[in-house]
Amino acid sequence: MAGHERIFRPFHEGAPMRLNVDREADALYLRLDDSKIVESEEVSPGVVLDFNEANEVVGIEMLHLSKRSKAPAMDFVELEGVPAA
């Protein structure tokens, strides 16, 4: 990120977000929208951000998920919604 300011994309109503947990790859991927990915950057070991043409974060990948979570299995994911202000 040297010399670049990175921002998360603004919220767009109706834009689908998808969460994919791949047990074989031991990875989690959160896709914030369907915009084209033009660049990816590993921002810390095993954490990769995907950016669109507007330099907004549109995807987040976490590798080695089983080493990051104390949960015995990845069978349960809890999602919590935050009400709009």
N, C-alpha and C. Protein backbone atom coordinates (compact mmCIF):
# COMPACT_ATOMS: atom_id res chain seq x y z
N MET A 1 0.81 -1.19 0.00
CA MET A 1 0.00 0.00 0.00
C MET A 1 0.85 1.25 0.00
N ALA A 2 2.10 1.12 -0.21
CA ALA A 2 3.00 2.27 -0.18
C ALA A 2 2.58 3.31 -1.19
N GLY A 3 2.30 4.53 -0.70
CA GLY A 3 1.96 5.62 -1.59
C GLY A 3 0.53 5.61 -2.10
N HIS A 4 -0.26 4.65 -1.68
CA HIS A 4 -1.65 4.57 -2.13
C HIS A 4 -2.58 4.63 -0.94
N GLU A 5 -3.65 5.37 -1.07
CA GLU A 5 -4.66 5.38 -0.03
C GLU A 5 -5.75 4.41 -0.43
N ARG A 6 -6.01 3.42 0.39
CA ARG A 6 -7.01 2.40 0.08
C ARG A 6 -8.25 2.67 0.91
N ILE A 7 -9.40 2.52 0.29
CA ILE A 7 -10.65 2.70 1.02
C ILE A 7 -11.58 1.54 0.71
N PHE A 8 -12.50 1.27 1.64
CA PHE A 8 -13.54 0.30 1.37
C PHE A 8 -14.59 0.96 0.50
N ARG A 9 -15.20 0.20 -0.36
CA ARG A 9 -16.19 0.75 -1.26
C ARG A 9 -17.40 1.22 -0.48
N PRO A 10 -18.11 2.24 -0.98
CA PRO A 10 -19.32 2.69 -0.28
C PRO A 10 -20.41 1.65 -0.39
N PHE A 11 -21.32 1.67 0.56
CA PHE A 11 -22.44 0.73 0.55
C PHE A 11 -23.39 1.09 -0.57
N HIS A 12 -23.79 0.09 -1.35
CA HIS A 12 -24.78 0.27 -2.41
C HIS A 12 -25.92 -0.68 -2.13
N GLU A 13 -27.13 -0.13 -1.97
CA GLU A 13 -28.27 -0.99 -1.72
C GLU A 13 -28.44 -2.00 -2.84
N GLY A 14 -28.71 -3.20 -2.47
CA GLY A 14 -28.94 -4.24 -3.45
C GLY A 14 -27.67 -4.91 -3.95
N ALA A 15 -26.50 -4.38 -3.61
CA ALA A 15 -25.25 -5.00 -4.03
C ALA A 15 -25.07 -6.29 -3.24
N PRO A 16 -24.93 -7.42 -3.91
CA PRO A 16 -24.81 -8.68 -3.17
C PRO A 16 -23.44 -8.86 -2.54
N MET A 17 -23.42 -9.35 -1.32
CA MET A 17 -22.17 -9.75 -0.68
C MET A 17 -22.23 -11.26 -0.56
N ARG A 18 -21.09 -11.90 -0.77
CA ARG A 18 -21.02 -13.36 -0.69
C ARG A 18 -19.85 -13.77 0.21
N LEU A 19 -20.10 -14.78 1.01
CA LEU A 19 -19.06 -15.35 1.87
C LEU A 19 -18.87 -16.79 1.45
N ASN A 20 -17.63 -17.15 1.16
CA ASN A 20 -17.31 -18.51 0.73
C ASN A 20 -16.22 -19.05 1.65
N VAL A 21 -16.49 -20.20 2.27
CA VAL A 21 -15.48 -20.89 3.08
C VAL A 21 -15.11 -22.17 2.34
N ASP A 22 -13.85 -22.28 1.98
CA ASP A 22 -13.36 -23.45 1.24
C ASP A 22 -12.50 -24.28 2.19
N ARG A 23 -13.05 -25.41 2.62
CA ARG A 23 -12.33 -26.25 3.58
C ARG A 23 -11.06 -26.85 3.00
N GLU A 24 -11.13 -27.25 1.74
CA GLU A 24 -9.94 -27.87 1.12
C GLU A 24 -8.80 -26.86 1.01
N ALA A 25 -9.12 -25.63 0.65
CA ALA A 25 -8.09 -24.58 0.53
C ALA A 25 -7.78 -23.95 1.88
N ASP A 26 -8.61 -24.26 2.90
CA ASP A 26 -8.46 -23.68 4.24
C ASP A 26 -8.48 -22.15 4.14
N ALA A 27 -9.50 -21.64 3.43
CA ALA A 27 -9.57 -20.21 3.15
C ALA A 27 -11.00 -19.71 3.26
N LEU A 28 -11.11 -18.42 3.52
CA LEU A 28 -12.39 -17.72 3.56
C LEU A 28 -12.28 -16.56 2.58
N TYR A 29 -13.35 -16.32 1.81
CA TYR A 29 -13.35 -15.20 0.87
C TYR A 29 -14.67 -14.46 1.00
N LEU A 30 -14.59 -13.17 1.25
CA LEU A 30 -15.76 -12.29 1.32
C LEU A 30 -15.72 -11.38 0.11
N ARG A 31 -16.74 -11.49 -0.73
CA ARG A 31 -16.84 -10.65 -1.93
C ARG A 31 -17.90 -9.60 -1.66
N LEU A 32 -17.53 -8.33 -1.72
CA LEU A 32 -18.44 -7.25 -1.36
C LEU A 32 -19.36 -6.82 -2.49
N ASP A 33 -18.93 -6.97 -3.72
CA ASP A 33 -19.79 -6.70 -4.87
C ASP A 33 -19.22 -7.38 -6.10
N ASP A 34 -19.86 -7.16 -7.24
CA ASP A 34 -19.45 -7.85 -8.46
C ASP A 34 -18.58 -7.01 -9.37
N SER A 35 -18.06 -5.88 -8.88
CA SER A 35 -17.22 -5.06 -9.76
C SER A 35 -15.93 -5.80 -10.11
N LYS A 36 -15.35 -5.42 -11.23
CA LYS A 36 -14.15 -6.08 -11.74
C LYS A 36 -12.96 -5.84 -10.81
N ILE A 37 -12.25 -6.91 -10.50
CA ILE A 37 -11.03 -6.81 -9.69
C ILE A 37 -9.87 -6.47 -10.62
N VAL A 38 -9.17 -5.38 -10.30
CA VAL A 38 -8.05 -4.97 -11.14
C VAL A 38 -6.71 -5.11 -10.43
N GLU A 39 -6.74 -5.28 -9.12
CA GLU A 39 -5.50 -5.41 -8.36
C GLU A 39 -5.77 -6.14 -7.06
N SER A 40 -4.80 -6.91 -6.60
CA SER A 40 -4.88 -7.59 -5.31
C SER A 40 -3.59 -7.30 -4.56
N GLU A 41 -3.71 -7.23 -3.24
CA GLU A 41 -2.53 -6.94 -2.43
C GLU A 41 -2.59 -7.72 -1.12
N GLU A 42 -1.51 -8.42 -0.81
CA GLU A 42 -1.42 -9.10 0.48
C GLU A 42 -1.01 -8.06 1.51
N VAL A 43 -1.94 -7.75 2.42
CA VAL A 43 -1.72 -6.68 3.39
C VAL A 43 -1.14 -7.17 4.70
N SER A 44 -1.22 -8.45 4.93
CA SER A 44 -0.56 -9.10 6.06
C SER A 44 -0.48 -10.57 5.67
N PRO A 45 0.37 -11.35 6.32
CA PRO A 45 0.54 -12.74 5.89
C PRO A 45 -0.80 -13.48 5.83
N GLY A 46 -1.15 -13.94 4.63
CA GLY A 46 -2.37 -14.71 4.44
C GLY A 46 -3.65 -13.90 4.35
N VAL A 47 -3.55 -12.57 4.27
CA VAL A 47 -4.73 -11.71 4.12
C VAL A 47 -4.54 -10.90 2.84
N VAL A 48 -5.46 -11.13 1.88
CA VAL A 48 -5.36 -10.49 0.57
C VAL A 48 -6.60 -9.64 0.33
N LEU A 49 -6.39 -8.39 -0.06
CA LEU A 49 -7.49 -7.50 -0.43
C LEU A 49 -7.54 -7.38 -1.94
N ASP A 50 -8.76 -7.39 -2.49
CA ASP A 50 -8.97 -7.19 -3.92
C ASP A 50 -9.56 -5.80 -4.12
N PHE A 51 -9.07 -5.09 -5.15
CA PHE A 51 -9.49 -3.72 -5.42
C PHE A 51 -10.12 -3.61 -6.80
N ASN A 52 -11.09 -2.70 -6.93
CA ASN A 52 -11.71 -2.44 -8.22
C ASN A 52 -11.03 -1.24 -8.88
N GLU A 53 -11.57 -0.80 -10.01
CA GLU A 53 -10.96 0.31 -10.76
C GLU A 53 -10.98 1.63 -9.99
N ALA A 54 -11.90 1.78 -9.04
CA ALA A 54 -11.98 2.99 -8.23
C ALA A 54 -11.09 2.90 -6.99
N ASN A 55 -10.27 1.85 -6.92
CA ASN A 55 -9.34 1.65 -5.81
C ASN A 55 -10.06 1.36 -4.49
N GLU A 56 -11.26 0.75 -4.60
CA GLU A 56 -12.04 0.39 -3.44
C GLU A 56 -11.88 -1.10 -3.17
N VAL A 57 -11.91 -1.48 -1.90
CA VAL A 57 -11.82 -2.90 -1.54
C VAL A 57 -13.14 -3.57 -1.90
N VAL A 58 -13.08 -4.62 -2.71
CA VAL A 58 -14.28 -5.35 -3.10
C VAL A 58 -14.20 -6.83 -2.73
N GLY A 59 -13.07 -7.27 -2.20
CA GLY A 59 -12.92 -8.65 -1.79
C GLY A 59 -11.86 -8.79 -0.72
N ILE A 60 -12.08 -9.74 0.18
CA ILE A 60 -11.14 -10.00 1.27
C ILE A 60 -10.95 -11.52 1.36
N GLU A 61 -9.71 -11.97 1.26
CA GLU A 61 -9.40 -13.40 1.36
C GLU A 61 -8.51 -13.62 2.57
N MET A 62 -8.86 -14.64 3.36
CA MET A 62 -8.03 -15.04 4.50
C MET A 62 -7.61 -16.48 4.27
N LEU A 63 -6.31 -16.70 4.23
CA LEU A 63 -5.74 -18.03 4.05
C LEU A 63 -5.40 -18.64 5.41
N HIS A 64 -5.23 -19.96 5.46
CA HIS A 64 -4.88 -20.67 6.69
C HIS A 64 -5.92 -20.41 7.78
N LEU A 65 -7.20 -20.50 7.39
CA LEU A 65 -8.29 -20.16 8.29
C LEU A 65 -8.30 -21.01 9.56
N SER A 66 -7.99 -22.29 9.44
CA SER A 66 -8.03 -23.16 10.62
C SER A 66 -7.00 -22.75 11.68
N LYS A 67 -5.93 -22.08 11.27
CA LYS A 67 -4.93 -21.61 12.22
C LYS A 67 -5.33 -20.28 12.85
N ARG A 68 -6.30 -19.57 12.24
CA ARG A 68 -6.73 -18.27 12.73
C ARG A 68 -7.91 -18.36 13.68
N SER A 69 -8.64 -19.47 13.64
CA SER A 69 -9.84 -19.61 14.44
C SER A 69 -9.69 -20.77 15.41
N LYS A 70 -10.16 -20.57 16.63
CA LYS A 70 -10.09 -21.64 17.62
C LYS A 70 -11.28 -22.58 17.49
N ALA A 71 -12.22 -22.25 16.60
CA ALA A 71 -13.38 -23.12 16.39
C ALA A 71 -12.92 -24.47 15.88
N PRO A 72 -13.45 -25.56 16.38
CA PRO A 72 -13.01 -26.89 15.95
C PRO A 72 -13.37 -27.22 14.52
N ALA A 73 -14.41 -26.58 13.98
CA ALA A 73 -14.82 -26.86 12.60
C ALA A 73 -15.37 -25.59 11.98
N MET A 74 -15.40 -25.58 10.66
CA MET A 74 -15.94 -24.42 9.97
C MET A 74 -17.37 -24.70 9.50
N ASP A 75 -18.13 -25.43 10.30
CA ASP A 75 -19.50 -25.79 9.93
C ASP A 75 -20.50 -24.70 10.30
N PHE A 76 -20.10 -23.76 11.14
CA PHE A 76 -21.04 -22.76 11.64
C PHE A 76 -20.43 -21.38 11.47
N VAL A 77 -21.18 -20.53 10.81
CA VAL A 77 -20.78 -19.13 10.65
C VAL A 77 -21.92 -18.28 11.15
N GLU A 78 -21.64 -17.35 12.05
CA GLU A 78 -22.67 -16.47 12.57
C GLU A 78 -22.52 -15.11 11.94
N LEU A 79 -23.61 -14.62 11.33
CA LEU A 79 -23.61 -13.30 10.72
C LEU A 79 -24.47 -12.38 11.55
N GLU A 80 -23.97 -11.19 11.80
CA GLU A 80 -24.71 -10.23 12.60
C GLU A 80 -24.93 -8.98 11.76
N GLY A 81 -26.17 -8.57 11.64
CA GLY A 81 -26.48 -7.36 10.90
C GLY A 81 -26.43 -6.15 11.82
N VAL A 82 -25.99 -5.05 11.28
CA VAL A 82 -25.95 -3.80 12.03
C VAL A 82 -26.96 -2.86 11.40
N PRO A 83 -27.92 -2.35 12.19
CA PRO A 83 -28.94 -1.48 11.61
C PRO A 83 -28.33 -0.21 11.03
N ALA A 84 -28.92 0.27 9.95
CA ALA A 84 -28.45 1.50 9.32
C ALA A 84 -28.71 2.68 10.24
N ALA A 85 -27.83 3.64 10.21
CA ALA A 85 -27.98 4.83 11.06
C ALA A 85 -29.04 5.75 10.54
